Amino acid sequence: MKLQLLTTCLMALCVASFAAADFIDFTPTPADLYDLDHGWYYTWGIQADVDVSNLVITGATLSFDDIRNWDSSSNDLWVHLLDSAPEGVRMYRDYGGGGDAFAMQGVLLEHYEDLPSTAQDITYTFSASEIQALNAYLQNGANFALGFDPDCHFYNEGVTLVLEYSGVPEPASMTLLASGAVLLFLRRRRT
């Protein structure tokens, strides 16, 4: 009975230590991505500062704080998840050219059309397939990027990316967990 109780406690401790989720917040510099001017398209290369080999991203949101079109004209904003880009925010000139500079690259997260000239908060939640792509990008080199192509000028008060992650048990922990299960099985089998 004591062995069964000890095994059960050890198993519960192992499972509980890996079930908790944590969050990482990322904010670009500058936080407003230079107000997303229509004459440019942007990459935001993000390097994970934690060891991602034992992490699994379980959720992600991208938020725009008080984003607004500079006037009431028709507008577009394309947002992509990219495998990589130079670290930090980079601007590339497109002279206000229409269309998506990142077409056929990475994963299109969202195409916003006709955002109003009044400020609003927008939060985009990644789908399961987008989270799967993000996990693959992280395992491919511990970095990933977001691409933004505004075909209008979008004032905003800041952009934030939040990743929710959980740890993956290390081999030693898995061995301990499996040993406990085997002992429990053997104990029950004897009685």
N, C-alpha and C. Protein backbone atom coordinates (compact mmCIF):
# COMPACT_ATOMS: atom_id res chain seq x y z
N MET A 1 0.82 -1.19 0.00
CA MET A 1 0.00 0.00 0.00
C MET A 1 0.87 1.25 0.00
N LYS A 2 1.95 1.23 0.80
CA LYS A 2 2.84 2.39 0.85
C LYS A 2 3.51 2.62 -0.50
N LEU A 3 3.91 1.53 -1.16
CA LEU A 3 4.55 1.65 -2.47
C LEU A 3 3.58 2.25 -3.49
N GLN A 4 2.34 1.81 -3.43
CA GLN A 4 1.32 2.32 -4.36
C GLN A 4 1.10 3.82 -4.12
N LEU A 5 1.00 4.23 -2.87
CA LEU A 5 0.80 5.63 -2.54
C LEU A 5 1.99 6.47 -2.98
N LEU A 6 3.20 5.99 -2.73
CA LEU A 6 4.41 6.71 -3.14
C LEU A 6 4.47 6.84 -4.66
N THR A 7 4.17 5.76 -5.36
CA THR A 7 4.19 5.77 -6.83
C THR A 7 3.16 6.75 -7.38
N THR A 8 1.98 6.73 -6.81
CA THR A 8 0.92 7.63 -7.26
C THR A 8 1.32 9.08 -7.02
N CYS A 9 1.89 9.37 -5.88
CA CYS A 9 2.34 10.74 -5.58
C CYS A 9 3.42 11.20 -6.55
N LEU A 10 4.39 10.33 -6.84
CA LEU A 10 5.45 10.68 -7.77
C LEU A 10 4.89 10.93 -9.17
N MET A 11 3.96 10.10 -9.59
CA MET A 11 3.37 10.28 -10.91
C MET A 11 2.59 11.60 -10.97
N ALA A 12 1.84 11.90 -9.95
CA ALA A 12 1.07 13.15 -9.92
C ALA A 12 1.99 14.36 -9.94
N LEU A 13 3.09 14.29 -9.20
CA LEU A 13 4.07 15.37 -9.18
C LEU A 13 4.69 15.59 -10.55
N CYS A 14 5.05 14.52 -11.23
CA CYS A 14 5.63 14.64 -12.57
C CYS A 14 4.64 15.25 -13.55
N VAL A 15 3.40 14.75 -13.53
CA VAL A 15 2.39 15.25 -14.46
C VAL A 15 2.09 16.71 -14.17
N ALA A 16 1.95 17.07 -12.90
CA ALA A 16 1.63 18.45 -12.54
C ALA A 16 2.73 19.41 -12.94
N SER A 17 3.98 18.99 -12.86
CA SER A 17 5.08 19.89 -13.19
C SER A 17 5.14 20.20 -14.68
N PHE A 18 4.54 19.35 -15.51
CA PHE A 18 4.57 19.59 -16.95
C PHE A 18 3.24 20.12 -17.50
N ALA A 19 2.22 20.12 -16.68
CA ALA A 19 0.92 20.55 -17.16
C ALA A 19 0.75 22.07 -17.13
N ALA A 20 1.52 22.76 -16.32
CA ALA A 20 1.37 24.21 -16.19
C ALA A 20 1.82 24.91 -17.46
N ALA A 21 1.07 25.94 -17.83
CA ALA A 21 1.41 26.73 -19.01
C ALA A 21 2.00 28.07 -18.57
N ASP A 22 2.92 28.56 -19.35
CA ASP A 22 3.53 29.85 -19.10
C ASP A 22 3.36 30.71 -20.33
N PHE A 23 3.66 31.99 -20.19
CA PHE A 23 3.49 32.94 -21.27
C PHE A 23 4.78 33.71 -21.51
N ILE A 24 5.03 34.03 -22.77
CA ILE A 24 6.13 34.92 -23.15
C ILE A 24 5.50 36.05 -23.95
N ASP A 25 5.79 37.29 -23.56
CA ASP A 25 5.31 38.47 -24.28
C ASP A 25 6.45 39.05 -25.10
N PHE A 26 6.16 39.38 -26.35
CA PHE A 26 7.14 40.04 -27.22
C PHE A 26 6.56 41.37 -27.69
N THR A 27 7.39 42.40 -27.68
CA THR A 27 7.01 43.71 -28.20
C THR A 27 8.14 44.17 -29.10
N PRO A 28 7.82 44.62 -30.32
CA PRO A 28 8.89 45.06 -31.23
C PRO A 28 9.45 46.41 -30.80
N THR A 29 10.59 46.76 -31.36
CA THR A 29 11.17 48.09 -31.16
C THR A 29 11.32 48.73 -32.53
N PRO A 30 10.59 49.80 -32.78
CA PRO A 30 9.63 50.48 -31.91
C PRO A 30 8.33 49.68 -31.80
N ALA A 31 7.65 49.91 -30.68
CA ALA A 31 6.44 49.13 -30.39
C ALA A 31 5.34 49.32 -31.42
N ASP A 32 5.31 50.47 -32.09
CA ASP A 32 4.25 50.74 -33.07
C ASP A 32 4.64 50.39 -34.51
N LEU A 33 5.79 49.73 -34.68
CA LEU A 33 6.28 49.34 -36.01
C LEU A 33 6.30 50.53 -36.97
N TYR A 34 6.80 51.65 -36.46
CA TYR A 34 6.89 52.89 -37.26
C TYR A 34 5.54 53.31 -37.81
N ASP A 35 4.47 53.04 -37.08
CA ASP A 35 3.10 53.37 -37.48
C ASP A 35 2.69 52.75 -38.81
N LEU A 36 3.34 51.68 -39.21
CA LEU A 36 2.94 50.91 -40.39
C LEU A 36 2.60 51.81 -41.58
N ASP A 37 3.59 52.54 -42.06
CA ASP A 37 3.43 53.44 -43.19
C ASP A 37 3.22 52.65 -44.48
N HIS A 38 2.34 53.14 -45.36
CA HIS A 38 1.98 52.41 -46.57
C HIS A 38 3.11 52.36 -47.60
N GLY A 39 4.16 53.13 -47.46
CA GLY A 39 5.27 53.09 -48.40
C GLY A 39 6.29 52.00 -48.10
N TRP A 40 6.02 51.22 -47.09
CA TRP A 40 6.97 50.20 -46.64
C TRP A 40 6.25 48.90 -46.32
N TYR A 41 7.02 47.81 -46.29
CA TYR A 41 6.55 46.58 -45.66
C TYR A 41 7.61 46.19 -44.64
N TYR A 42 7.24 45.41 -43.65
CA TYR A 42 8.05 45.22 -42.45
C TYR A 42 8.20 43.74 -42.09
N THR A 43 9.36 43.42 -41.55
CA THR A 43 9.53 42.12 -40.89
C THR A 43 9.91 42.37 -39.45
N TRP A 44 9.45 41.51 -38.59
CA TRP A 44 9.80 41.53 -37.18
C TRP A 44 10.36 40.16 -36.85
N GLY A 45 11.70 40.05 -36.88
CA GLY A 45 12.37 38.79 -36.58
C GLY A 45 12.47 38.61 -35.08
N ILE A 46 12.00 37.47 -34.60
CA ILE A 46 11.94 37.20 -33.16
C ILE A 46 12.82 36.00 -32.84
N GLN A 47 13.77 36.21 -31.97
CA GLN A 47 14.66 35.16 -31.51
C GLN A 47 14.20 34.74 -30.11
N ALA A 48 13.87 33.48 -29.93
CA ALA A 48 13.45 32.99 -28.62
C ALA A 48 14.62 33.03 -27.66
N ASP A 49 14.42 33.65 -26.50
CA ASP A 49 15.48 33.76 -25.49
C ASP A 49 15.47 32.60 -24.51
N VAL A 50 14.63 31.62 -24.77
CA VAL A 50 14.56 30.44 -23.91
C VAL A 50 14.88 29.22 -24.75
N ASP A 51 15.29 28.15 -24.09
CA ASP A 51 15.57 26.90 -24.78
C ASP A 51 14.24 26.31 -25.26
N VAL A 52 14.03 26.30 -26.56
CA VAL A 52 12.76 25.84 -27.12
C VAL A 52 12.73 24.33 -27.37
N SER A 53 13.85 23.66 -27.15
CA SER A 53 13.89 22.22 -27.44
C SER A 53 12.93 21.43 -26.55
N ASN A 54 12.61 21.95 -25.36
CA ASN A 54 11.68 21.26 -24.46
C ASN A 54 10.37 22.01 -24.29
N LEU A 55 10.04 22.90 -25.23
CA LEU A 55 8.80 23.66 -25.14
C LEU A 55 7.87 23.32 -26.30
N VAL A 56 6.60 23.44 -26.03
CA VAL A 56 5.59 23.31 -27.06
C VAL A 56 4.70 24.54 -26.95
N ILE A 57 4.59 25.29 -28.05
CA ILE A 57 3.69 26.44 -28.07
C ILE A 57 2.27 25.89 -28.15
N THR A 58 1.42 26.32 -27.22
CA THR A 58 0.05 25.81 -27.17
C THR A 58 -0.98 26.88 -27.55
N GLY A 59 -0.55 28.13 -27.62
CA GLY A 59 -1.45 29.22 -27.99
C GLY A 59 -0.65 30.45 -28.35
N ALA A 60 -1.25 31.32 -29.16
CA ALA A 60 -0.57 32.56 -29.55
C ALA A 60 -1.61 33.60 -29.93
N THR A 61 -1.34 34.84 -29.53
CA THR A 61 -2.19 35.96 -29.92
C THR A 61 -1.31 37.13 -30.35
N LEU A 62 -1.77 37.85 -31.35
CA LEU A 62 -1.11 39.06 -31.84
C LEU A 62 -2.09 40.21 -31.65
N SER A 63 -1.67 41.24 -30.92
CA SER A 63 -2.56 42.35 -30.59
C SER A 63 -2.03 43.66 -31.13
N PHE A 64 -2.95 44.47 -31.65
CA PHE A 64 -2.68 45.84 -32.07
C PHE A 64 -3.45 46.76 -31.12
N ASP A 65 -2.75 47.67 -30.48
CA ASP A 65 -3.37 48.58 -29.53
C ASP A 65 -3.72 49.89 -30.23
N ASP A 66 -4.99 50.25 -30.20
CA ASP A 66 -5.49 51.52 -30.78
C ASP A 66 -5.06 51.71 -32.24
N ILE A 67 -5.21 50.68 -33.05
CA ILE A 67 -4.86 50.81 -34.47
C ILE A 67 -5.98 51.56 -35.19
N ARG A 68 -5.57 52.41 -36.14
CA ARG A 68 -6.55 53.18 -36.89
C ARG A 68 -5.94 53.59 -38.23
N ASN A 69 -6.78 53.66 -39.24
CA ASN A 69 -6.37 54.15 -40.54
C ASN A 69 -6.16 55.66 -40.45
N TRP A 70 -5.23 56.19 -41.18
CA TRP A 70 -4.93 57.62 -41.08
C TRP A 70 -6.05 58.50 -41.63
N ASP A 71 -6.89 57.93 -42.51
CA ASP A 71 -8.07 58.65 -43.00
C ASP A 71 -9.15 57.61 -43.31
N SER A 72 -10.18 58.00 -44.01
CA SER A 72 -11.29 57.08 -44.24
C SER A 72 -11.19 56.34 -45.58
N SER A 73 -10.02 56.37 -46.22
CA SER A 73 -9.88 55.71 -47.52
C SER A 73 -9.81 54.19 -47.34
N SER A 74 -10.04 53.49 -48.44
CA SER A 74 -9.97 52.03 -48.46
C SER A 74 -8.55 51.60 -48.09
N ASN A 75 -8.40 50.50 -47.38
CA ASN A 75 -7.07 50.09 -46.92
C ASN A 75 -6.97 48.59 -46.73
N ASP A 76 -5.74 48.10 -46.68
CA ASP A 76 -5.45 46.69 -46.45
C ASP A 76 -4.25 46.58 -45.52
N LEU A 77 -4.24 45.53 -44.71
CA LEU A 77 -3.08 45.19 -43.90
C LEU A 77 -2.96 43.68 -43.90
N TRP A 78 -1.85 43.18 -44.46
CA TRP A 78 -1.58 41.74 -44.48
C TRP A 78 -0.59 41.42 -43.38
N VAL A 79 -0.85 40.33 -42.66
CA VAL A 79 0.03 39.87 -41.57
C VAL A 79 0.36 38.40 -41.82
N HIS A 80 1.66 38.10 -41.86
CA HIS A 80 2.13 36.74 -42.13
C HIS A 80 3.00 36.22 -40.99
N LEU A 81 2.97 34.92 -40.79
CA LEU A 81 3.92 34.21 -39.95
C LEU A 81 5.00 33.67 -40.88
N LEU A 82 6.26 34.02 -40.58
CA LEU A 82 7.38 33.62 -41.44
C LEU A 82 8.34 32.72 -40.68
N ASP A 83 9.05 31.87 -41.41
CA ASP A 83 10.02 30.96 -40.80
C ASP A 83 11.18 31.72 -40.17
N SER A 84 11.62 32.78 -40.82
CA SER A 84 12.73 33.56 -40.25
C SER A 84 12.82 34.91 -40.96
N ALA A 85 13.55 35.82 -40.33
CA ALA A 85 13.87 37.14 -40.87
C ALA A 85 14.98 37.68 -39.97
N PRO A 86 15.71 38.69 -40.42
CA PRO A 86 16.72 39.26 -39.53
C PRO A 86 16.08 39.70 -38.21
N GLU A 87 16.82 39.54 -37.12
CA GLU A 87 16.28 39.87 -35.81
C GLU A 87 15.92 41.35 -35.71
N GLY A 88 14.81 41.63 -35.04
CA GLY A 88 14.34 43.00 -34.86
C GLY A 88 13.42 43.42 -36.00
N VAL A 89 13.08 44.70 -36.00
CA VAL A 89 12.17 45.25 -37.00
C VAL A 89 12.99 45.77 -38.18
N ARG A 90 12.62 45.35 -39.37
CA ARG A 90 13.27 45.82 -40.60
C ARG A 90 12.20 46.37 -41.53
N MET A 91 12.55 47.44 -42.22
CA MET A 91 11.63 48.09 -43.16
C MET A 91 12.18 47.90 -44.57
N TYR A 92 11.26 47.64 -45.52
CA TYR A 92 11.63 47.47 -46.91
C TYR A 92 10.69 48.34 -47.75
N ARG A 93 11.24 49.12 -48.65
CA ARG A 93 10.48 50.09 -49.44
C ARG A 93 9.64 49.38 -50.51
N ASP A 94 8.35 49.72 -50.56
CA ASP A 94 7.51 49.24 -51.66
C ASP A 94 6.75 50.39 -52.32
N TYR A 95 7.05 51.60 -51.90
CA TYR A 95 6.49 52.81 -52.52
C TYR A 95 4.97 52.78 -52.61
N GLY A 96 4.34 52.22 -51.60
CA GLY A 96 2.89 52.19 -51.56
C GLY A 96 2.26 51.25 -52.56
N GLY A 97 3.08 50.35 -53.10
CA GLY A 97 2.56 49.40 -54.09
C GLY A 97 1.46 48.55 -53.51
N GLY A 98 0.40 48.37 -54.26
CA GLY A 98 -0.71 47.55 -53.78
C GLY A 98 -0.33 46.08 -53.78
N GLY A 99 -1.05 45.33 -53.00
CA GLY A 99 -0.81 43.90 -52.93
C GLY A 99 0.00 43.50 -51.73
N ASP A 100 0.16 42.22 -51.57
CA ASP A 100 0.81 41.63 -50.42
C ASP A 100 2.26 41.28 -50.76
N ALA A 101 3.21 41.97 -50.15
CA ALA A 101 4.63 41.73 -50.41
C ALA A 101 5.06 40.33 -49.96
N PHE A 102 4.30 39.71 -49.07
CA PHE A 102 4.65 38.39 -48.55
C PHE A 102 3.81 37.28 -49.17
N ALA A 103 3.12 37.59 -50.25
CA ALA A 103 2.29 36.56 -50.90
C ALA A 103 3.14 35.34 -51.20
N MET A 104 2.61 34.18 -50.91
CA MET A 104 3.28 32.89 -51.13
C MET A 104 4.48 32.66 -50.20
N GLN A 105 4.57 33.42 -49.11
CA GLN A 105 5.63 33.23 -48.13
C GLN A 105 4.99 32.93 -46.78
N GLY A 106 5.51 31.95 -46.10
CA GLY A 106 5.02 31.64 -44.76
C GLY A 106 3.54 31.33 -44.73
N VAL A 107 2.90 31.75 -43.64
CA VAL A 107 1.48 31.50 -43.41
C VAL A 107 0.77 32.84 -43.29
N LEU A 108 -0.23 33.07 -44.13
CA LEU A 108 -1.03 34.29 -44.01
C LEU A 108 -1.90 34.16 -42.77
N LEU A 109 -1.64 35.02 -41.78
CA LEU A 109 -2.45 35.00 -40.56
C LEU A 109 -3.76 35.75 -40.76
N GLU A 110 -3.66 36.95 -41.35
CA GLU A 110 -4.87 37.77 -41.50
C GLU A 110 -4.68 38.81 -42.59
N HIS A 111 -5.75 39.11 -43.28
CA HIS A 111 -5.81 40.20 -44.24
C HIS A 111 -6.93 41.12 -43.75
N TYR A 112 -6.52 42.22 -43.11
CA TYR A 112 -7.50 43.18 -42.62
C TYR A 112 -7.85 44.12 -43.77
N GLU A 113 -9.14 44.37 -43.95
CA GLU A 113 -9.59 45.28 -45.00
C GLU A 113 -10.44 46.39 -44.40
N ASP A 114 -10.18 47.59 -44.87
CA ASP A 114 -10.97 48.76 -44.50
C ASP A 114 -11.11 48.96 -42.99
N LEU A 115 -9.96 48.99 -42.31
CA LEU A 115 -9.97 49.34 -40.89
C LEU A 115 -10.42 50.79 -40.77
N PRO A 116 -11.19 51.12 -39.75
CA PRO A 116 -11.71 52.47 -39.63
C PRO A 116 -10.65 53.48 -39.18
N SER A 117 -11.01 54.76 -39.30
CA SER A 117 -10.09 55.82 -38.86
C SER A 117 -10.23 56.10 -37.37
N THR A 118 -11.13 55.40 -36.70
CA THR A 118 -11.24 55.51 -35.25
C THR A 118 -10.43 54.38 -34.62
N ALA A 119 -9.77 54.69 -33.53
CA ALA A 119 -8.88 53.72 -32.88
C ALA A 119 -9.67 52.53 -32.33
N GLN A 120 -9.08 51.35 -32.50
CA GLN A 120 -9.66 50.14 -31.95
C GLN A 120 -8.54 49.16 -31.59
N ASP A 121 -8.82 48.30 -30.64
CA ASP A 121 -7.89 47.23 -30.30
C ASP A 121 -8.28 46.00 -31.11
N ILE A 122 -7.28 45.34 -31.69
CA ILE A 122 -7.52 44.12 -32.45
C ILE A 122 -6.62 43.04 -31.87
N THR A 123 -7.19 41.88 -31.60
CA THR A 123 -6.41 40.73 -31.16
C THR A 123 -6.70 39.57 -32.10
N TYR A 124 -5.64 39.03 -32.67
CA TYR A 124 -5.75 37.88 -33.55
C TYR A 124 -5.28 36.65 -32.79
N THR A 125 -6.09 35.59 -32.77
CA THR A 125 -5.73 34.34 -32.10
C THR A 125 -5.32 33.31 -33.16
N PHE A 126 -4.14 32.74 -33.00
CA PHE A 126 -3.63 31.76 -33.95
C PHE A 126 -4.49 30.50 -33.93
N SER A 127 -4.70 29.92 -35.10
CA SER A 127 -5.43 28.66 -35.21
C SER A 127 -4.48 27.50 -34.87
N ALA A 128 -5.03 26.31 -34.75
CA ALA A 128 -4.23 25.13 -34.44
C ALA A 128 -3.16 24.88 -35.51
N SER A 129 -3.50 25.04 -36.79
CA SER A 129 -2.51 24.82 -37.85
C SER A 129 -1.42 25.90 -37.83
N GLU A 130 -1.77 27.12 -37.45
CA GLU A 130 -0.77 28.19 -37.35
C GLU A 130 0.18 27.96 -36.18
N ILE A 131 -0.36 27.43 -35.08
CA ILE A 131 0.49 27.08 -33.93
C ILE A 131 1.41 25.93 -34.30
N GLN A 132 0.90 24.98 -35.07
CA GLN A 132 1.73 23.87 -35.54
C GLN A 132 2.88 24.40 -36.40
N ALA A 133 2.60 25.33 -37.30
CA ALA A 133 3.65 25.94 -38.13
C ALA A 133 4.66 26.69 -37.27
N LEU A 134 4.18 27.42 -36.27
CA LEU A 134 5.06 28.16 -35.36
C LEU A 134 5.99 27.21 -34.62
N ASN A 135 5.46 26.10 -34.12
CA ASN A 135 6.31 25.11 -33.44
C ASN A 135 7.37 24.55 -34.38
N ALA A 136 6.99 24.28 -35.62
CA ALA A 136 7.95 23.78 -36.60
C ALA A 136 9.04 24.82 -36.87
N TYR A 137 8.66 26.09 -37.00
CA TYR A 137 9.64 27.16 -37.23
C TYR A 137 10.61 27.26 -36.06
N LEU A 138 10.10 27.16 -34.84
CA LEU A 138 10.97 27.25 -33.66
C LEU A 138 11.94 26.07 -33.59
N GLN A 139 11.49 24.89 -33.93
CA GLN A 139 12.38 23.73 -33.91
C GLN A 139 13.41 23.79 -35.04
N ASN A 140 13.11 24.59 -36.05
CA ASN A 140 13.99 24.74 -37.20
C ASN A 140 15.14 25.71 -36.93
N GLY A 141 15.14 26.40 -35.80
CA GLY A 141 16.24 27.32 -35.54
C GLY A 141 16.00 28.28 -34.42
N ALA A 142 15.01 28.07 -33.58
CA ALA A 142 14.70 28.90 -32.42
C ALA A 142 14.34 30.33 -32.77
N ASN A 143 13.98 30.57 -34.02
CA ASN A 143 13.51 31.90 -34.38
C ASN A 143 12.34 31.79 -35.35
N PHE A 144 11.65 32.89 -35.50
CA PHE A 144 10.55 33.00 -36.44
C PHE A 144 10.34 34.48 -36.68
N ALA A 145 9.39 34.83 -37.50
CA ALA A 145 9.17 36.25 -37.80
C ALA A 145 7.71 36.50 -38.13
N LEU A 146 7.34 37.75 -38.05
CA LEU A 146 6.05 38.21 -38.53
C LEU A 146 6.32 39.21 -39.64
N GLY A 147 5.50 39.16 -40.67
CA GLY A 147 5.61 40.10 -41.78
C GLY A 147 4.35 40.94 -41.85
N PHE A 148 4.50 42.25 -42.04
CA PHE A 148 3.37 43.17 -42.11
C PHE A 148 3.49 43.97 -43.41
N ASP A 149 2.42 43.99 -44.19
CA ASP A 149 2.41 44.83 -45.38
C ASP A 149 1.16 45.70 -45.35
N PRO A 150 1.32 46.97 -44.96
CA PRO A 150 0.19 47.89 -44.94
C PRO A 150 0.06 48.60 -46.28
N ASP A 151 -1.13 48.58 -46.83
CA ASP A 151 -1.39 49.37 -48.03
C ASP A 151 -2.25 50.56 -47.64
N CYS A 152 -1.83 51.21 -46.61
CA CYS A 152 -2.34 52.48 -46.11
C CYS A 152 -1.49 52.77 -44.88
N HIS A 153 -1.70 53.89 -44.24
CA HIS A 153 -0.93 54.25 -43.06
C HIS A 153 -1.77 53.96 -41.83
N PHE A 154 -1.24 53.13 -40.93
CA PHE A 154 -1.99 52.71 -39.75
C PHE A 154 -1.29 53.19 -38.49
N TYR A 155 -1.81 54.25 -37.89
CA TYR A 155 -1.32 54.67 -36.59
C TYR A 155 -1.71 53.61 -35.57
N ASN A 156 -0.86 53.41 -34.58
CA ASN A 156 -1.19 52.47 -33.51
C ASN A 156 -0.34 52.80 -32.29
N GLU A 157 -0.75 52.27 -31.16
CA GLU A 157 -0.04 52.52 -29.90
C GLU A 157 0.86 51.35 -29.51
N GLY A 158 0.93 50.33 -30.33
CA GLY A 158 1.82 49.23 -30.02
C GLY A 158 1.30 47.88 -30.48
N VAL A 159 2.22 46.99 -30.73
CA VAL A 159 1.93 45.63 -31.17
C VAL A 159 2.54 44.67 -30.15
N THR A 160 1.81 43.63 -29.80
CA THR A 160 2.28 42.65 -28.82
C THR A 160 1.97 41.24 -29.32
N LEU A 161 2.94 40.37 -29.19
CA LEU A 161 2.74 38.95 -29.47
C LEU A 161 2.88 38.20 -28.16
N VAL A 162 1.90 37.37 -27.84
CA VAL A 162 1.94 36.57 -26.61
C VAL A 162 1.91 35.10 -27.02
N LEU A 163 2.90 34.35 -26.55
CA LEU A 163 2.95 32.90 -26.79
C LEU A 163 2.68 32.18 -25.49
N GLU A 164 1.80 31.22 -25.54
CA GLU A 164 1.55 30.35 -24.40
C GLU A 164 2.27 29.04 -24.68
N TYR A 165 3.01 28.54 -23.70
CA TYR A 165 3.77 27.31 -23.92
C TYR A 165 3.70 26.42 -22.71
N SER A 166 4.02 25.16 -22.94
CA SER A 166 4.14 24.20 -21.85
C SER A 166 5.43 23.42 -22.06
N GLY A 167 5.97 22.91 -20.97
CA GLY A 167 7.20 22.12 -21.05
C GLY A 167 6.91 20.71 -21.49
N VAL A 168 7.89 20.10 -22.07
CA VAL A 168 7.81 18.70 -22.48
C VAL A 168 8.71 17.92 -21.54
N PRO A 169 8.23 16.82 -20.97
CA PRO A 169 9.07 16.07 -20.04
C PRO A 169 10.39 15.64 -20.67
N GLU A 170 11.45 15.76 -19.89
CA GLU A 170 12.77 15.30 -20.33
C GLU A 170 12.81 13.77 -20.22
N PRO A 171 13.74 13.13 -20.91
CA PRO A 171 13.81 11.65 -20.86
C PRO A 171 13.93 11.09 -19.45
N ALA A 172 14.68 11.74 -18.57
CA ALA A 172 14.83 11.24 -17.21
C ALA A 172 13.50 11.26 -16.47
N SER A 173 12.72 12.31 -16.67
CA SER A 173 11.41 12.41 -16.03
C SER A 173 10.46 11.37 -16.59
N MET A 174 10.54 11.16 -17.89
CA MET A 174 9.69 10.14 -18.50
C MET A 174 10.03 8.76 -17.95
N THR A 175 11.32 8.49 -17.74
CA THR A 175 11.75 7.22 -17.18
C THR A 175 11.18 7.04 -15.77
N LEU A 176 11.25 8.10 -14.97
CA LEU A 176 10.71 8.05 -13.61
C LEU A 176 9.21 7.77 -13.65
N LEU A 177 8.52 8.46 -14.52
CA LEU A 177 7.08 8.27 -14.65
C LEU A 177 6.75 6.85 -15.09
N ALA A 178 7.48 6.34 -16.07
CA ALA A 178 7.25 4.97 -16.56
C ALA A 178 7.57 3.94 -15.48
N SER A 179 8.64 4.18 -14.73
CA SER A 179 9.01 3.26 -13.64
C SER A 179 7.90 3.18 -12.61
N GLY A 180 7.34 4.33 -12.27
CA GLY A 180 6.23 4.34 -11.31
C GLY A 180 5.04 3.57 -11.81
N ALA A 181 4.74 3.72 -13.09
CA ALA A 181 3.61 2.99 -13.67
C ALA A 181 3.86 1.48 -13.65
N VAL A 182 5.09 1.06 -13.96
CA VAL A 182 5.44 -0.37 -13.95
C VAL A 182 5.33 -0.93 -12.53
N LEU A 183 5.85 -0.18 -11.55
CA LEU A 183 5.77 -0.64 -10.16
C LEU A 183 4.31 -0.77 -9.70
N LEU A 184 3.50 0.19 -10.10
CA LEU A 184 2.09 0.14 -9.74
C LEU A 184 1.42 -1.09 -10.36
N PHE A 185 1.74 -1.35 -11.64
CA PHE A 185 1.19 -2.51 -12.34
C PHE A 185 1.62 -3.80 -11.64
N LEU A 186 2.93 -3.90 -11.31
CA LEU A 186 3.43 -5.11 -10.66
C LEU A 186 2.79 -5.30 -9.28
N ARG A 187 2.62 -4.22 -8.58
CA ARG A 187 2.02 -4.28 -7.24
C ARG A 187 0.58 -4.80 -7.31
N ARG A 188 -0.18 -4.27 -8.28
CA ARG A 188 -1.58 -4.69 -8.42
C ARG A 188 -1.65 -6.15 -8.89
N ARG A 189 -0.70 -6.56 -9.70
CA ARG A 189 -0.70 -7.90 -10.25
C ARG A 189 -0.48 -8.94 -9.15
N ARG A 190 0.34 -8.61 -8.16
CA ARG A 190 0.63 -9.53 -7.07
C ARG A 190 -0.54 -9.74 -6.14
N THR A 191 -1.41 -8.75 -6.04
CA THR A 191 -2.51 -8.88 -5.07
C THR A 191 -3.71 -9.56 -5.66
